[in-house]
Amino acid sequence: MQMIAKNLITGMRPTTFLFALSKTNCVQAWRFWSQTDPSVHYAFGEFADMDALRQTMSSEGFKFLLADYDRVWGSGGVTRTRHILEKVQHMAR
């Protein structure tokens, strides 16, 4: 299971979140607000494998999604970072 994490300092609207799913090949996705710093928002998307993740990040849909985010929120003043995470272990009860 491969994941991409997107750390946003301002919130992503729920409609934008659904829009993001429609423009990528995510298997599933999650949104979180930090309880430590309420100005920090995280969005995670799970992909079938690294190839699917890489294809998404270079796709026109993903570029359109980033451009739409900049159009709505502006490209200045909002810190965004992207991290590629690979799940190597999972435990559950």
N, C-alpha and C. Protein backbone atom coordinates (compact mmCIF):
# COMPACT_ATOMS: atom_id res chain seq x y z
N MET A 1 0.84 -1.16 0.00
CA MET A 1 0.00 0.00 0.00
C MET A 1 0.90 1.24 0.00
N GLN A 2 0.69 2.13 -0.93
CA GLN A 2 1.48 3.35 -1.04
C GLN A 2 0.59 4.53 -0.70
N MET A 3 1.18 5.57 -0.15
CA MET A 3 0.39 6.73 0.22
C MET A 3 1.12 8.01 -0.15
N ILE A 4 0.37 9.03 -0.42
CA ILE A 4 0.91 10.37 -0.56
C ILE A 4 0.24 11.22 0.50
N ALA A 5 1.01 12.03 1.18
CA ALA A 5 0.46 12.91 2.19
C ALA A 5 0.59 14.33 1.71
N LYS A 6 -0.44 15.09 1.91
CA LYS A 6 -0.42 16.48 1.52
C LYS A 6 -0.73 17.29 2.77
N ASN A 7 0.18 18.13 3.17
CA ASN A 7 0.04 18.91 4.38
C ASN A 7 -0.36 20.32 3.98
N LEU A 8 -1.53 20.74 4.41
CA LEU A 8 -2.03 22.06 4.06
C LEU A 8 -2.19 22.88 5.33
N ILE A 9 -1.79 24.14 5.27
CA ILE A 9 -1.93 25.00 6.44
C ILE A 9 -3.33 25.58 6.52
N THR A 10 -4.03 25.67 5.42
CA THR A 10 -5.44 26.06 5.47
C THR A 10 -6.29 24.89 5.01
N GLY A 11 -7.57 24.94 5.30
CA GLY A 11 -8.44 23.81 5.07
C GLY A 11 -8.78 23.54 3.62
N MET A 12 -9.03 22.29 3.34
CA MET A 12 -9.54 21.88 2.05
C MET A 12 -11.03 21.66 2.23
N ARG A 13 -11.83 22.30 1.42
CA ARG A 13 -13.29 22.14 1.52
C ARG A 13 -13.65 20.69 1.20
N PRO A 14 -14.71 20.16 1.82
CA PRO A 14 -15.13 18.79 1.50
C PRO A 14 -15.38 18.58 0.01
N THR A 15 -15.93 19.58 -0.68
CA THR A 15 -16.16 19.43 -2.12
C THR A 15 -14.84 19.33 -2.87
N THR A 16 -13.82 20.06 -2.42
CA THR A 16 -12.50 19.97 -3.04
C THR A 16 -11.92 18.58 -2.81
N PHE A 17 -12.16 18.03 -1.66
CA PHE A 17 -11.68 16.69 -1.33
C PHE A 17 -12.29 15.66 -2.28
N LEU A 18 -13.60 15.73 -2.51
CA LEU A 18 -14.25 14.84 -3.46
C LEU A 18 -13.74 15.07 -4.87
N PHE A 19 -13.51 16.33 -5.21
CA PHE A 19 -12.95 16.69 -6.51
C PHE A 19 -11.58 16.03 -6.68
N ALA A 20 -10.77 16.07 -5.62
CA ALA A 20 -9.44 15.47 -5.66
C ALA A 20 -9.53 13.98 -5.94
N LEU A 21 -10.47 13.30 -5.31
CA LEU A 21 -10.64 11.86 -5.57
C LEU A 21 -11.03 11.60 -7.01
N SER A 22 -11.84 12.48 -7.58
CA SER A 22 -12.29 12.27 -8.96
C SER A 22 -11.17 12.51 -9.97
N LYS A 23 -10.14 13.28 -9.61
CA LYS A 23 -9.06 13.62 -10.52
C LYS A 23 -7.83 12.74 -10.35
N THR A 24 -7.86 11.82 -9.41
CA THR A 24 -6.72 10.94 -9.17
C THR A 24 -7.19 9.49 -9.17
N ASN A 25 -6.25 8.57 -9.10
CA ASN A 25 -6.63 7.17 -9.01
C ASN A 25 -6.42 6.64 -7.59
N CYS A 26 -6.79 7.46 -6.61
CA CYS A 26 -6.75 7.05 -5.20
C CYS A 26 -7.70 5.88 -4.96
N VAL A 27 -7.26 4.96 -4.14
CA VAL A 27 -8.11 3.87 -3.70
C VAL A 27 -9.05 4.39 -2.62
N GLN A 28 -8.48 5.16 -1.69
CA GLN A 28 -9.25 5.81 -0.64
C GLN A 28 -8.47 6.99 -0.12
N ALA A 29 -9.14 7.85 0.64
CA ALA A 29 -8.48 9.07 1.12
C ALA A 29 -9.03 9.46 2.49
N TRP A 30 -8.24 10.24 3.21
CA TRP A 30 -8.60 10.71 4.54
C TRP A 30 -8.23 12.18 4.69
N ARG A 31 -8.95 12.90 5.55
CA ARG A 31 -8.62 14.28 5.92
C ARG A 31 -8.52 14.36 7.44
N PHE A 32 -7.57 15.15 7.91
CA PHE A 32 -7.37 15.32 9.34
C PHE A 32 -7.10 16.80 9.65
N TRP A 33 -7.58 17.26 10.78
CA TRP A 33 -7.18 18.55 11.34
C TRP A 33 -6.33 18.27 12.56
N SER A 34 -5.24 18.99 12.69
CA SER A 34 -4.36 18.82 13.84
C SER A 34 -5.07 19.30 15.10
N GLN A 35 -5.00 18.50 16.15
CA GLN A 35 -5.51 18.91 17.46
C GLN A 35 -4.45 19.70 18.22
N THR A 36 -3.20 19.59 17.79
CA THR A 36 -2.10 20.34 18.40
C THR A 36 -2.07 21.76 17.86
N ASP A 37 -2.24 21.90 16.55
CA ASP A 37 -2.24 23.19 15.88
C ASP A 37 -3.42 23.23 14.92
N PRO A 38 -4.56 23.84 15.33
CA PRO A 38 -5.77 23.82 14.53
C PRO A 38 -5.65 24.48 13.15
N SER A 39 -4.55 25.15 12.88
CA SER A 39 -4.37 25.74 11.55
C SER A 39 -3.78 24.74 10.56
N VAL A 40 -3.43 23.54 11.04
CA VAL A 40 -2.79 22.55 10.17
C VAL A 40 -3.80 21.47 9.77
N HIS A 41 -3.83 21.20 8.48
CA HIS A 41 -4.73 20.22 7.89
C HIS A 41 -3.89 19.21 7.12
N TYR A 42 -4.27 17.95 7.20
CA TYR A 42 -3.59 16.89 6.46
C TYR A 42 -4.60 16.16 5.59
N ALA A 43 -4.19 15.80 4.40
CA ALA A 43 -5.01 14.94 3.54
C ALA A 43 -4.11 13.82 3.04
N PHE A 44 -4.60 12.59 3.14
CA PHE A 44 -3.85 11.41 2.71
C PHE A 44 -4.63 10.69 1.63
N GLY A 45 -3.92 10.21 0.65
CA GLY A 45 -4.53 9.38 -0.38
C GLY A 45 -3.78 8.06 -0.49
N GLU A 46 -4.51 6.98 -0.57
CA GLU A 46 -3.91 5.66 -0.71
C GLU A 46 -3.99 5.23 -2.17
N PHE A 47 -2.89 4.70 -2.67
CA PHE A 47 -2.80 4.24 -4.05
C PHE A 47 -2.48 2.75 -4.07
N ALA A 48 -2.85 2.08 -5.15
CA ALA A 48 -2.64 0.63 -5.26
C ALA A 48 -1.16 0.26 -5.16
N ASP A 49 -0.29 1.08 -5.76
CA ASP A 49 1.15 0.82 -5.71
C ASP A 49 1.89 2.10 -6.09
N MET A 50 3.21 2.05 -6.03
CA MET A 50 4.02 3.24 -6.32
C MET A 50 3.84 3.73 -7.74
N ASP A 51 3.67 2.81 -8.69
CA ASP A 51 3.46 3.23 -10.07
C ASP A 51 2.19 4.05 -10.21
N ALA A 52 1.11 3.62 -9.56
CA ALA A 52 -0.15 4.37 -9.60
C ALA A 52 0.04 5.75 -8.99
N LEU A 53 0.79 5.82 -7.91
CA LEU A 53 1.08 7.10 -7.26
C LEU A 53 1.87 8.01 -8.20
N ARG A 54 2.93 7.48 -8.79
CA ARG A 54 3.75 8.29 -9.70
C ARG A 54 2.96 8.75 -10.92
N GLN A 55 2.14 7.87 -11.46
CA GLN A 55 1.30 8.24 -12.59
C GLN A 55 0.36 9.37 -12.22
N THR A 56 -0.22 9.30 -11.03
CA THR A 56 -1.12 10.35 -10.58
C THR A 56 -0.39 11.68 -10.45
N MET A 57 0.79 11.66 -9.85
CA MET A 57 1.51 12.91 -9.61
C MET A 57 1.95 13.59 -10.91
N SER A 58 2.06 12.84 -12.00
CA SER A 58 2.45 13.45 -13.27
C SER A 58 1.26 13.61 -14.22
N SER A 59 0.06 13.30 -13.74
CA SER A 59 -1.13 13.33 -14.60
C SER A 59 -1.67 14.75 -14.77
N GLU A 60 -2.40 14.94 -15.85
CA GLU A 60 -3.07 16.22 -16.09
C GLU A 60 -4.12 16.49 -15.03
N GLY A 61 -4.78 15.44 -14.55
CA GLY A 61 -5.78 15.60 -13.49
C GLY A 61 -5.18 16.17 -12.22
N PHE A 62 -4.00 15.67 -11.85
CA PHE A 62 -3.33 16.16 -10.64
C PHE A 62 -2.87 17.60 -10.83
N LYS A 63 -2.34 17.91 -12.01
CA LYS A 63 -1.93 19.29 -12.31
C LYS A 63 -3.13 20.23 -12.27
N PHE A 64 -4.26 19.76 -12.79
CA PHE A 64 -5.48 20.55 -12.75
C PHE A 64 -5.93 20.77 -11.31
N LEU A 65 -5.83 19.73 -10.49
CA LEU A 65 -6.20 19.83 -9.07
C LEU A 65 -5.35 20.88 -8.36
N LEU A 66 -4.02 20.88 -8.60
CA LEU A 66 -3.15 21.87 -7.98
C LEU A 66 -3.48 23.28 -8.45
N ALA A 67 -3.76 23.43 -9.74
CA ALA A 67 -4.12 24.74 -10.29
C ALA A 67 -5.45 25.21 -9.69
N ASP A 68 -6.40 24.30 -9.51
CA ASP A 68 -7.68 24.67 -8.92
C ASP A 68 -7.49 25.11 -7.47
N TYR A 69 -6.65 24.39 -6.73
CA TYR A 69 -6.37 24.77 -5.35
C TYR A 69 -5.78 26.19 -5.30
N ASP A 70 -4.79 26.46 -6.17
CA ASP A 70 -4.19 27.79 -6.22
C ASP A 70 -5.21 28.86 -6.60
N ARG A 71 -6.12 28.51 -7.50
CA ARG A 71 -7.16 29.47 -7.91
C ARG A 71 -8.05 29.82 -6.72
N VAL A 72 -8.44 28.82 -5.94
CA VAL A 72 -9.35 29.03 -4.81
C VAL A 72 -8.63 29.67 -3.62
N TRP A 73 -7.45 29.18 -3.27
CA TRP A 73 -6.76 29.60 -2.05
C TRP A 73 -5.61 30.57 -2.31
N GLY A 74 -5.21 30.70 -3.56
CA GLY A 74 -4.05 31.54 -3.86
C GLY A 74 -2.77 30.75 -3.69
N SER A 75 -1.77 31.11 -4.44
CA SER A 75 -0.52 30.34 -4.37
C SER A 75 0.45 30.92 -3.35
N GLY A 76 0.16 32.11 -2.81
CA GLY A 76 1.04 32.71 -1.81
C GLY A 76 0.42 32.65 -0.42
N GLY A 77 1.25 32.56 0.57
CA GLY A 77 0.77 32.61 1.95
C GLY A 77 0.30 31.29 2.52
N VAL A 78 0.15 30.27 1.69
CA VAL A 78 -0.27 28.95 2.17
C VAL A 78 0.89 27.99 1.94
N THR A 79 1.39 27.42 3.01
CA THR A 79 2.50 26.47 2.89
C THR A 79 1.94 25.09 2.58
N ARG A 80 2.40 24.50 1.50
CA ARG A 80 2.00 23.14 1.14
C ARG A 80 3.25 22.30 0.96
N THR A 81 3.20 21.11 1.48
CA THR A 81 4.28 20.16 1.24
C THR A 81 3.65 18.84 0.82
N ARG A 82 4.39 18.05 0.10
CA ARG A 82 3.94 16.74 -0.33
C ARG A 82 5.00 15.73 0.07
N HIS A 83 4.58 14.65 0.67
CA HIS A 83 5.50 13.58 1.07
C HIS A 83 4.97 12.27 0.53
N ILE A 84 5.86 11.48 -0.01
CA ILE A 84 5.49 10.13 -0.45
C ILE A 84 5.88 9.17 0.65
N LEU A 85 4.91 8.43 1.14
CA LEU A 85 5.13 7.47 2.22
C LEU A 85 4.84 6.08 1.72
N GLU A 86 5.66 5.14 2.12
CA GLU A 86 5.42 3.74 1.77
C GLU A 86 5.17 2.97 3.05
N LYS A 87 4.02 2.35 3.12
CA LYS A 87 3.66 1.56 4.30
C LYS A 87 4.50 0.30 4.33
N VAL A 88 5.24 0.10 5.41
CA VAL A 88 6.10 -1.07 5.52
C VAL A 88 5.65 -2.02 6.63
N GLN A 89 4.75 -1.53 7.48
CA GLN A 89 4.26 -2.40 8.55
C GLN A 89 2.91 -1.89 9.00
N HIS A 90 2.03 -2.81 9.36
CA HIS A 90 0.72 -2.47 9.87
C HIS A 90 0.34 -3.47 10.94
N MET A 91 -0.18 -3.00 12.03
CA MET A 91 -0.67 -3.88 13.09
C MET A 91 -2.06 -3.41 13.50
N ALA A 92 -2.89 -4.32 13.89
CA ALA A 92 -4.24 -4.00 14.34
C ALA A 92 -4.67 -4.98 15.40
N ARG A 93 -5.64 -4.59 16.15
CA ARG A 93 -6.23 -5.49 17.16
C ARG A 93 -7.57 -5.95 16.69
